[in-house]
C-alpha atoms as a PDB file:
ATOM      1  CA  MET A   1     132.498 126.314 104.422  1.00  0.00           C
ATOM      2  CA  PRO A   2     130.108 128.878 106.006  1.00  0.00           C
ATOM      3  CA  SER A   3     129.943 129.011 109.634  1.00  0.00           C
ATOM      4  CA  PRO A   4     127.577 127.079 111.815  1.00  0.00           C
ATOM      5  CA  PRO A   5     124.140 128.491 112.012  1.00  0.00           C
ATOM      6  CA  SER A   6     123.082 131.020 115.068  1.00  0.00           C
ATOM      7  CA  MET A   7     119.925 130.286 116.804  1.00  0.00           C
ATOM      8  CA  SER A   8     117.842 132.042 119.130  1.00  0.00           C
ATOM      9  CA  THR A   9     114.876 130.209 121.048  1.00  0.00           C
ATOM     10  CA  SER A  10     111.913 131.624 122.581  1.00  0.00           C
ATOM     11  CA  LEU A  11     110.487 129.543 125.621  1.00  0.00           C
ATOM     12  CA  GLU A  12     107.241 130.330 127.618  1.00  0.00           C
ATOM     13  CA  THR A  13     107.673 129.227 131.254  1.00  0.00           C
ATOM     14  CA  GLU A  14     105.157 128.479 134.156  1.00  0.00           C
ATOM     15  CA  THR A  15     106.485 129.119 137.470  1.00  0.00           C
ATOM     16  CA  VAL A  16     105.040 127.325 140.605  1.00  0.00           C
ATOM     17  CA  PRO A  17     104.725 129.599 144.021  1.00  0.00           C
ATOM     18  CA  ASN A  18     105.319 128.381 147.406  1.00  0.00           C
ATOM     19  CA  VAL A  19     107.913 125.571 146.426  1.00  0.00           C
ATOM     20  CA  SER A  20     111.042 125.763 148.068  1.00  0.00           C
ATOM     21  CA  THR A  21     113.073 123.289 146.054  1.00  0.00           C
ATOM     22  CA  PRO A  22     114.321 124.183 142.744  1.00  0.00           C
ATOM     23  CA  ILE A  23     111.918 123.068 139.915  1.00  0.00           C
ATOM     24  CA  THR A  24     112.001 122.587 136.310  1.00  0.00           C
ATOM     25  CA  PRO A  25     109.779 124.926 134.214  1.00  0.00           C
ATOM     26  CA  SER A  26     107.575 123.489 131.969  1.00  0.00           C
ATOM     27  CA  CYS A  27     108.131 124.767 128.239  1.00  0.00           C
ATOM     28  CA  SER A  28     105.775 125.529 125.674  1.00  0.00           C
ATOM     29  CA  ARG A  29     105.583 123.151 122.616  1.00  0.00           C
ATOM     30  CA  THR A  30     106.899 125.700 119.851  1.00  0.00           C
ATOM     31  CA  LEU A  31     110.512 126.377 119.434  1.00  0.00           C
ATOM     32  CA  ASP A  32     111.472 129.110 116.832  1.00  0.00           C
ATOM     33  CA  LEU A  33     114.706 128.640 115.204  1.00  0.00           C
ATOM     34  CA  ASN A  34     116.534 131.392 113.328  1.00  0.00           C
ATOM     35  CA  TYR A  35     119.626 130.802 111.448  1.00  0.00           C
ATOM     36  CA  ASN A  36     121.824 132.209 108.575  1.00  0.00           C
ATOM     37  CA  ILE A  37     122.889 130.025 105.628  1.00  0.00           C
ATOM     38  CA  TYR A  38     123.778 132.079 102.736  1.00  0.00           C
ATOM     39  CA  THR A  39     120.267 133.884 103.323  1.00  0.00           C
ATOM     40  CA  THR A  40     118.260 134.354 106.408  1.00  0.00           C
ATOM     41  CA  SER A  41     116.065 131.171 106.900  1.00  0.00           C
ATOM     42  CA  ARG A  42     113.501 130.421 109.652  1.00  0.00           C
ATOM     43  CA  HIS A  43     112.159 127.191 111.065  1.00  0.00           C
ATOM     44  CA  ILE A  44     109.182 126.795 113.762  1.00  0.00           C
ATOM     45  CA  ILE A  45     109.579 123.348 115.186  1.00  0.00           C
ATOM     46  CA  ALA A  46     107.131 121.840 117.620  1.00  0.00           C
ATOM     47  CA  LEU A  47     108.977 119.923 120.523  1.00  0.00           C
ATOM     48  CA  GLU A  48     107.563 118.022 123.505  1.00  0.00           C
ATOM     49  CA  SER A  49     109.047 119.343 126.565  1.00  0.00           C
ATOM     50  CA  ASN A  50     107.700 116.479 128.902  1.00  0.00           C
ATOM     51  CA  GLY A  51     109.501 117.960 131.885  1.00  0.00           C
ATOM     52  CA  LYS A  52     113.024 118.372 130.169  1.00  0.00           C
ATOM     53  CA  PRO A  53     114.985 120.976 131.634  1.00  0.00           C
ATOM     54  CA  ILE A  54     115.611 124.154 129.438  1.00  0.00           C
ATOM     55  CA  ASP A  55     119.371 123.333 128.880  1.00  0.00           C
ATOM     56  CA  LEU A  56     118.364 119.858 127.470  1.00  0.00           C
ATOM     57  CA  LEU A  57     115.832 121.448 125.341  1.00  0.00           C
ATOM     58  CA  HIS A  58     118.254 123.974 123.971  1.00  0.00           C
ATOM     59  CA  SER A  59     120.896 121.116 123.207  1.00  0.00           C
ATOM     60  CA  GLU A  60     117.934 119.398 121.417  1.00  0.00           C
ATOM     61  CA  ALA A  61     117.361 122.654 119.402  1.00  0.00           C
ATOM     62  CA  MET A  62     121.082 123.062 118.448  1.00  0.00           C
ATOM     63  CA  SER A  63     121.002 119.476 117.351  1.00  0.00           C
ATOM     64  CA  ILE A  64     118.138 120.252 115.051  1.00  0.00           C
ATOM     65  CA  ALA A  65     119.572 123.567 113.549  1.00  0.00           C
ATOM     66  CA  THR A  66     122.834 121.682 112.979  1.00  0.00           C
ATOM     67  CA  SER A  67     121.035 118.791 111.097  1.00  0.00           C
ATOM     68  CA  ILE A  68     119.333 121.443 108.897  1.00  0.00           C
ATOM     69  CA  PHE A  69     122.456 123.197 108.381  1.00  0.00           C
ATOM     70  CA  SER A  70     124.339 119.830 107.460  1.00  0.00           C
ATOM     71  CA  ARG A  71     121.368 118.422 105.490  1.00  0.00           C
ATOM     72  CA  SER A  72     121.791 115.370 107.837  1.00  0.00           C
ATOM     73  CA  PRO A  73     119.284 113.660 110.386  1.00  0.00           C
ATOM     74  CA  SER A  74     119.614 114.833 114.061  1.00  0.00           C
ATOM     75  CA  ARG A  75     119.746 112.400 116.774  1.00  0.00           C
ATOM     76  CA  PHE A  76     117.013 114.238 118.429  1.00  0.00           C
ATOM     77  CA  THR A  77     114.595 114.380 115.427  1.00  0.00           C
ATOM     78  CA  THR A  78     111.483 112.218 115.268  1.00  0.00           C
ATOM     79  CA  ILE A  79     108.886 112.458 112.978  1.00  0.00           C
ATOM     80  CA  ALA A  80     105.516 112.640 114.342  1.00  0.00           C
ATOM     81  CA  PRO A  81     102.597 114.496 112.514  1.00  0.00           C
ATOM     82  CA  ASP A  82     100.319 116.722 114.122  1.00  0.00           C
ATOM     83  CA  ASP A  83      96.946 115.561 114.061  1.00  0.00           C
ATOM     84  CA  ASN A  84      95.833 119.142 112.524  1.00  0.00           C
ATOM     85  CA  SER A  85      98.614 119.074 109.996  1.00  0.00           C
ATOM     86  CA  ASP A  86      98.150 117.894 106.309  1.00  0.00           C
ATOM     87  CA  SER A  87     102.044 117.307 106.227  1.00  0.00           C
ATOM     88  CA  ARG A  88     103.787 113.823 106.824  1.00  0.00           C
ATOM     89  CA  SER A  89     107.158 115.475 107.199  1.00  0.00           C
ATOM     90  CA  ILE A  90     108.822 117.617 109.999  1.00  0.00           C
ATOM     91  CA  SER A  91     108.164 120.567 107.665  1.00  0.00           C
ATOM     92  CA  THR A  92     104.967 121.572 105.841  1.00  0.00           C
ATOM     93  CA  ALA A  93     107.158 123.809 103.706  1.00  0.00           C
ATOM     94  CA  LYS A  94     109.051 120.927 101.961  1.00  0.00           C
ATOM     95  CA  LYS A  95     108.968 121.644  98.096  1.00  0.00           C
ATOM     96  CA  LYS A  96     107.363 119.161  95.761  1.00  0.00           C
ATOM     97  CA  ALA A  97     107.728 119.328  92.070  1.00  0.00           C
ATOM     98  CA  ILE A  98     105.625 118.029  89.196  1.00  0.00           C
ATOM     99  CA  THR A  99     105.637 118.577  85.335  1.00  0.00           C
ATOM    100  CA  VAL A 100     102.710 119.464  83.460  1.00  0.00           C
ATOM    101  CA  ASP A 101     102.781 119.866  79.769  1.00  0.00           C
ATOM    102  CA  GLY A 102     106.552 120.212  79.742  1.00  0.00           C
ATOM    103  CA  VAL A 103     106.175 122.750  82.690  1.00  0.00           C
ATOM    104  CA  THR A 104     107.788 121.949  86.020  1.00  0.00           C
ATOM    105  CA  LEU A 105     105.990 123.376  89.009  1.00  0.00           C
ATOM    106  CA  CYS A 106     106.738 123.548  92.437  1.00  0.00           C
ATOM    107  CA  TYR A 107     104.498 123.482  95.413  1.00  0.00           C
ATOM    108  CA  THR A 108     104.399 122.868  99.182  1.00  0.00           C
ATOM    109  CA  ALA A 109     101.375 121.952 101.437  1.00  0.00           C
ATOM    110  CA  GLU A 110     100.641 125.559 102.178  1.00  0.00           C
ATOM    111  CA  THR A 111     100.542 126.576  98.341  1.00  0.00           C
ATOM    112  CA  LEU A 112      98.295 123.640  97.312  1.00  0.00           C
ATOM    113  CA  PRO A 113      94.871 124.637  97.321  1.00  0.00           C
ATOM    114  CA  ASP A 114      91.670 122.634  98.498  1.00  0.00           C
ATOM    115  CA  PRO A 115      90.338 120.886  95.503  1.00  0.00           C
ATOM    116  CA  PRO A 116      86.746 121.697  94.759  1.00  0.00           C
ATOM    117  CA  THR A 117      83.669 119.029  95.042  1.00  0.00           C
ATOM    118  CA  LEU A 118      83.017 117.729  91.564  1.00  0.00           C
ATOM    119  CA  SER A 119      79.682 116.354  90.418  1.00  0.00           C
ATOM    120  CA  TYR A 120      78.972 114.589  87.012  1.00  0.00           C
ATOM    121  CA  LYS A 121      75.259 113.514  87.123  1.00  0.00           C
ATOM    122  CA  THR A 122      74.232 113.539  83.381  1.00  0.00           C
ATOM    123  CA  ARG A 123      75.258 111.922  80.235  1.00  0.00           C
ATOM    124  CA  GLU A 124      76.809 115.164  78.799  1.00  0.00           C
ATOM    125  CA  ALA A 125      78.642 115.760  82.138  1.00  0.00           C
ATOM    126  CA  LEU A 126      80.170 111.962  82.340  1.00  0.00           C
ATOM    127  CA  GLU A 127      81.666 112.934  78.821  1.00  0.00           C
ATOM    128  CA  GLN A 128      83.153 116.067  80.093  1.00  0.00           C
ATOM    129  CA  LEU A 129      84.677 114.082  82.988  1.00  0.00           C
ATOM    130  CA  VAL A 130      86.514 111.965  80.377  1.00  0.00           C
ATOM    131  CA  LYS A 131      87.940 115.537  78.887  1.00  0.00           C
ATOM    132  CA  ASP A 132      88.689 116.753  82.634  1.00  0.00           C
ATOM    133  CA  TRP A 133      90.509 113.736  83.418  1.00  0.00           C
ATOM    134  CA  THR A 134      93.624 114.832  81.336  1.00  0.00           C
ATOM    135  CA  SER A 135      92.853 118.675  80.745  1.00  0.00           C
ATOM    136  CA  SER A 136      91.046 120.827  83.607  1.00  0.00           C
ATOM    137  CA  SER A 137      92.013 123.781  85.596  1.00  0.00           C
ATOM    138  CA  PHE A 138      89.879 123.099  88.872  1.00  0.00           C
ATOM    139  CA  VAL A 139      93.202 123.077  90.896  1.00  0.00           C
ATOM    140  CA  THR A 140      96.086 125.255  89.726  1.00  0.00           C
ATOM    141  CA  ILE A 141      99.783 125.449  90.598  1.00  0.00           C
ATOM    142  CA  GLU A 142     101.458 128.721  89.683  1.00  0.00           C
ATOM    143  CA  GLY A 143      98.577 129.439  87.321  1.00  0.00           C
ATOM    144  CA  VAL A 144      98.763 126.230  85.488  1.00  0.00           C
ATOM    145  CA  GLY A 145      95.878 123.810  85.539  1.00  0.00           C
ATOM    146  CA  ILE A 146      96.433 120.375  87.183  1.00  0.00           C
ATOM    147  CA  PRO A 147      94.216 117.665  85.380  1.00  0.00           C
ATOM    148  CA  LEU A 148      92.121 115.308  87.447  1.00  0.00           C
ATOM    149  CA  CYS A 149      94.491 112.456  86.577  1.00  0.00           C
ATOM    150  CA  LEU A 150      97.275 113.971  88.485  1.00  0.00           C
ATOM    151  CA  TRP A 151      95.510 114.949  91.758  1.00  0.00           C
ATOM    152  CA  LYS A 152      96.729 111.510  93.463  1.00  0.00           C
ATOM    153  CA  ARG A 153     100.232 112.605  92.766  1.00  0.00           C
ATOM    154  CA  VAL A 154      99.836 115.994  94.348  1.00  0.00           C
ATOM    155  CA  TYR A 155      97.581 115.449  97.234  1.00  0.00           C
ATOM    156  CA  SER A 156      98.413 111.929  98.491  1.00  0.00           C
ATOM    157  CA  TRP A 157     101.724 112.984 100.182  1.00  0.00           C
ATOM    158  CA  THR A 158     101.671 116.668 100.355  1.00  0.00           C
ATOM    159  CA  ARG A 159      98.066 117.131 101.807  1.00  0.00           C
ATOM    160  CA  PRO A 160      97.078 113.163 103.025  1.00  0.00           C
ATOM    161  CA  ARG A 161      93.955 114.437 105.031  1.00  0.00           C
ATOM    162  CA  VAL A 162      92.629 116.308 102.003  1.00  0.00           C
ATOM    163  CA  TRP A 163      93.579 113.217  99.960  1.00  0.00           C
ATOM    164  CA  ASP A 164      91.712 110.817 102.375  1.00  0.00           C
ATOM    165  CA  ARG A 165      88.771 112.897 101.821  1.00  0.00           C
ATOM    166  CA  ILE A 166      88.529 112.714  97.872  1.00  0.00           C
ATOM    167  CA  LYS A 167      90.276 109.519  97.147  1.00  0.00           C
ATOM    168  CA  ASP A 168      87.283 107.388  96.966  1.00  0.00           C
ATOM    169  CA  GLN A 169      85.379 109.611  94.584  1.00  0.00           C
ATOM    170  CA  TRP A 170      88.582 110.033  92.672  1.00  0.00           C
ATOM    171  CA  GLY A 171      89.091 106.163  92.201  1.00  0.00           C
ATOM    172  CA  LYS A 172      85.570 106.151  90.822  1.00  0.00           C
ATOM    173  CA  PHE A 173      86.229 108.812  88.260  1.00  0.00           C
ATOM    174  CA  LYS A 174      89.382 106.918  87.293  1.00  0.00           C
ATOM    175  CA  PHE A 175      87.557 103.623  86.901  1.00  0.00           C
ATOM    176  CA  ILE A 176      84.581 105.121  84.901  1.00  0.00           C
ATOM    177  CA  VAL A 177      86.948 107.209  82.441  1.00  0.00           C
ATOM    178  CA  GLY A 178      89.157 103.932  82.081  1.00  0.00           C
ATOM    179  CA  GLY A 179      85.942 102.198  81.180  1.00  0.00           C
ATOM    180  CA  TYR A 180      84.792 104.772  78.709  1.00  0.00           C
ATOM    181  CA  LYS A 181      87.989 104.959  76.721  1.00  0.00           C
ATOM    182  CA  SER A 182      88.086 101.139  76.583  1.00  0.00           C
ATOM    183  CA  PHE A 183      85.046 101.188  74.162  1.00  0.00           C
ATOM    184  CA  SER A 184      85.701 102.058  70.566  1.00  0.00           C
ATOM    185  CA  SER A 185      83.089 104.846  70.494  1.00  0.00           C
ATOM    186  CA  PRO A 186      80.947 106.676  72.815  1.00  0.00           C
ATOM    187  CA  GLU A 187      77.957 105.040  71.383  1.00  0.00           C
ATOM    188  CA  GLN A 188      79.224 101.405  72.235  1.00  0.00           C
ATOM    189  CA  PHE A 189      80.021 102.788  75.646  1.00  0.00           C
ATOM    190  CA  TRP A 190      76.372 104.003  76.402  1.00  0.00           C
ATOM    191  CA  GLU A 191      74.741 100.897  74.584  1.00  0.00           C
ATOM    192  CA  ALA A 192      76.733  98.697  77.020  1.00  0.00           C
ATOM    193  CA  MET A 193      75.565 100.873  79.788  1.00  0.00           C
ATOM    194  CA  SER A 194      71.829  99.996  78.730  1.00  0.00           C
ATOM    195  CA  LEU A 195      71.484 103.641  77.855  1.00  0.00           C
ATOM    196  CA  PRO A 196      70.070 104.441  74.582  1.00  0.00           C
ATOM    197  CA  THR A 197      72.123 106.310  72.269  1.00  0.00           C
ATOM    198  CA  THR A 198      69.248 108.698  71.486  1.00  0.00           C
ATOM    199  CA  ALA A 199      69.037 109.555  75.255  1.00  0.00           C
ATOM    200  CA  SER A 200      69.187 113.277  75.760  1.00  0.00           C
ATOM    201  CA  PRO A 201      72.424 114.510  76.760  1.00  0.00           C
ATOM    202  CA  GLY A 202      70.883 115.928  79.972  1.00  0.00           C
ATOM    203  CA  ARG A 203      69.616 112.925  81.259  1.00  0.00           C
ATOM    204  CA  ARG A 204      70.808 111.979  84.722  1.00  0.00           C
ATOM    205  CA  ILE A 205      72.688 108.796  85.036  1.00  0.00           C
ATOM    206  CA  ASN A 206      73.615 106.456  87.926  1.00  0.00           C
ATOM    207  CA  PHE A 207      77.285 106.341  88.827  1.00  0.00           C
ATOM    208  CA  THR A 208      76.828 103.243  90.773  1.00  0.00           C
ATOM    209  CA  SER A 209      75.038 101.366  88.187  1.00  0.00           C
ATOM    210  CA  ILE A 210      77.691 102.379  85.700  1.00  0.00           C
ATOM    211  CA  CYS A 211      80.226 101.114  88.062  1.00  0.00           C
ATOM    212  CA  ASN A 212      78.566  97.837  88.592  1.00  0.00           C
ATOM    213  CA  ILE A 213      78.346  97.303  84.730  1.00  0.00           C
ATOM    214  CA  LEU A 214      81.975  97.857  84.250  1.00  0.00           C
ATOM    215  CA  ARG A 215      82.899  95.598  87.289  1.00  0.00           C
ATOM    216  CA  ASP A 216      80.918  92.870  85.795  1.00  0.00           C
ATOM    217  CA  LEU A 217      82.543  93.302  82.217  1.00  0.00           C
ATOM    218  CA  ARG A 218      86.016  93.219  84.214  1.00  0.00           C
ATOM    219  CA  LYS A 219      84.825  90.049  85.917  1.00  0.00           C
ATOM    220  CA  GLU A 220      83.963  88.502  82.664  1.00  0.00           C
ATOM    221  CA  ARG A 221      87.159  89.407  80.910  1.00  0.00           C
ATOM    222  CA  ASP A 222      89.343  88.264  83.757  1.00  0.00           C
ATOM    223  CA  GLU A 223      87.806  84.772  83.887  1.00  0.00           C
ATOM    224  CA  THR A 224      87.741  84.324  79.966  1.00  0.00           C
ATOM    225  CA  ASP A 225      91.788  85.313  80.012  1.00  0.00           C
ATOM    226  CA  ALA A 226      92.139  83.168  83.155  1.00  0.00           C
ATOM    227  CA  ALA A 227      90.758  79.993  81.291  1.00  0.00           C
ATOM    228  CA  LEU A 228      92.826  80.785  78.327  1.00  0.00           C
ATOM    229  CA  ALA A 229      96.107  80.857  80.498  1.00  0.00           C
ATOM    230  CA  LYS A 230      95.504  77.427  81.837  1.00  0.00           C
ATOM    231  CA  GLU A 231      94.841  76.068  78.357  1.00  0.00           C
ATOM    232  CA  GLU A 232      97.628  77.618  76.603  1.00  0.00           C
ATOM    233  CA  TYR A 233     100.119  77.269  79.252  1.00  0.00           C
ATOM    234  CA  SER A 234      99.267  73.880  80.821  1.00  0.00           C
ATOM    235  CA  ASN A 235     102.756  72.385  80.770  1.00  0.00           C
ATOM    236  CA  GLU A 236     104.332  75.487  82.190  1.00  0.00           C
ATOM    237  CA  PHE A 237     101.610  77.016  84.491  1.00  0.00           C
ATOM    238  CA  GLU A 238     103.566  76.122  87.490  1.00  0.00           C
ATOM    239  CA  ALA A 239     106.477  77.751  86.670  1.00  0.00           C
ATOM    240  CA  LEU A 240     105.100  80.785  84.961  1.00  0.00           C
ATOM    241  CA  PHE A 241     102.050  81.611  87.233  1.00  0.00           C
ATOM    242  CA  THR A 242     103.584  81.903  90.619  1.00  0.00           C
ATOM    243  CA  TYR A 243     104.758  84.603  93.070  1.00  0.00           C
ATOM    244  CA  LYS A 244     107.241  84.824  95.993  1.00  0.00           C
ATOM    245  CA  LYS A 245     106.242  86.118  99.467  1.00  0.00           C
ATOM    246  CA  ARG A 246     108.613  86.099 102.388  1.00  0.00           C
ATOM    247  CA  GLY A 247     110.943  83.813 100.603  1.00  0.00           C
ATOM    248  CA  LYS A 248     108.300  81.094  99.755  1.00  0.00           C
ATOM    249  CA  GLN A 249     106.842  80.497  96.200  1.00  0.00           C
ATOM    250  CA  TYR A 250     103.163  80.122  95.825  1.00  0.00           C
ATOM    251  CA  MET A 251     100.570  79.624  92.940  1.00  0.00           C
ATOM    252  CA  LEU A 252      98.494  82.351  91.557  1.00  0.00           C
ATOM    253  CA  LYS A 253      94.788  81.067  92.360  1.00  0.00           C
ATOM    254  CA  LYS A 254      92.418  83.984  91.862  1.00  0.00           C
ATOM    255  CA  ALA A 255      91.199  84.704  88.389  1.00  0.00           C
ATOM    256  CA  PRO A 256      92.143  88.447  88.089  1.00  0.00           C
ATOM    257  CA  ASP A 257      95.833  87.800  89.050  1.00  0.00           C
ATOM    258  CA  VAL A 258      96.072  84.789  86.594  1.00  0.00           C
ATOM    259  CA  ALA A 259      94.414  86.798  83.755  1.00  0.00           C
ATOM    260  CA  ARG A 260      96.902  89.845  84.518  1.00  0.00           C
ATOM    261  CA  ARG A 261      99.826  87.468  84.447  1.00  0.00           C
ATOM    262  CA  TYR A 262      98.612  85.922  81.221  1.00  0.00           C
ATOM    263  CA  ARG A 263      98.120  89.326  79.388  1.00  0.00           C
ATOM    264  CA  LEU A 264     101.518  90.324  80.700  1.00  0.00           C
ATOM    265  CA  LEU A 265     103.049  87.220  79.037  1.00  0.00           C
ATOM    266  CA  LYS A 266     100.928  87.902  75.934  1.00  0.00           C
ATOM    267  CA  GLY A 267     102.036  91.642  75.657  1.00  0.00           C
ATOM    268  CA  ILE A 268      98.361  92.723  75.979  1.00  0.00           C
ATOM    269  CA  THR A 269      98.222  96.251  77.141  1.00  0.00           C
ATOM    270  CA  ASP A 270      94.882  97.693  76.350  1.00  0.00           C
ATOM    271  CA  VAL A 271      93.205  96.547  79.562  1.00  0.00           C
ATOM    272  CA  TYR A 272      92.876  99.476  81.742  1.00  0.00           C
ATOM    273  CA  TRP A 273      92.286  97.813  84.900  1.00  0.00           C
ATOM    274  CA  ASP A 274      95.789  95.995  84.930  1.00  0.00           C
ATOM    275  CA  LYS A 275      97.624  99.343  85.353  1.00  0.00           C
ATOM    276  CA  ASP A 276      95.473 100.259  88.348  1.00  0.00           C
ATOM    277  CA  ASP A 277      96.282  96.956  89.912  1.00  0.00           C
ATOM    278  CA  GLN A 278      99.950  97.479  89.220  1.00  0.00           C
ATOM    279  CA  ASP A 279      99.652 100.832  91.006  1.00  0.00           C
ATOM    280  CA  THR A 280      98.091  99.354  93.873  1.00  0.00           C
ATOM    281  CA  ASP A 281     100.718  96.671  94.354  1.00  0.00           C
ATOM    282  CA  ASN A 282     103.438  99.221  93.990  1.00  0.00           C
ATOM    283  CA  GLU A 283     101.918 101.310  96.875  1.00  0.00           C
ATOM    284  CA  GLU A 284     101.493  98.490  99.269  1.00  0.00           C
END
């Protein structure tokens, strides 16, 4: 077993003149830990002094260093993200991995680049969005393009502040791509969006209008399937269309919830927003 880590600390202190009684120096917030575990490693960890004596800070630092060495939590360790940090962990250097086209890529908050601002304002551009969703290189990791559909996975936990900034637009892109793919052909999609198939590819489109039409179609489908559920499962409805919350059982009442359960029972898997709803449930 390797020997325990050695540690050096660098503390800045402030002295107060004209005080006759011993004082406790006020230490800076940054503690620099250097230790050797097979290879030389370095961690810079922020600690709050809050008037603690230097020997207690030293004890805390040693506890953290030991926990890093043993890969177990330290009794002094608390996770409190810095307001200016993109990371939700004690160290922004924590590696994440994602597989794209069979290639496993590793990244951290420091190596993950800022995503560009994207705009799809024409019919031709929206059709390009559908392609970009699964194949694009606006963001790259180790030289490999990360398609739009994976942005949530790479940004939501590694760089949460960036994700907060882009998630609304990303959600609209996902909804529109799902709606576009739910039609048998591009012509059927544009016809449903009240845009003539003869319209110029460069004609500007209104994302809000498209989202509203897709929501109306979603509502209509959910209401239809909810009605079918009550008709086809009238004798079993109370047994099959329920959910548990805090140990109690409740009936599903909202049409979207009833419709989703109905499609699950019938094995219907081609309704794109059901997967979106399932993702939301898992996150909550």
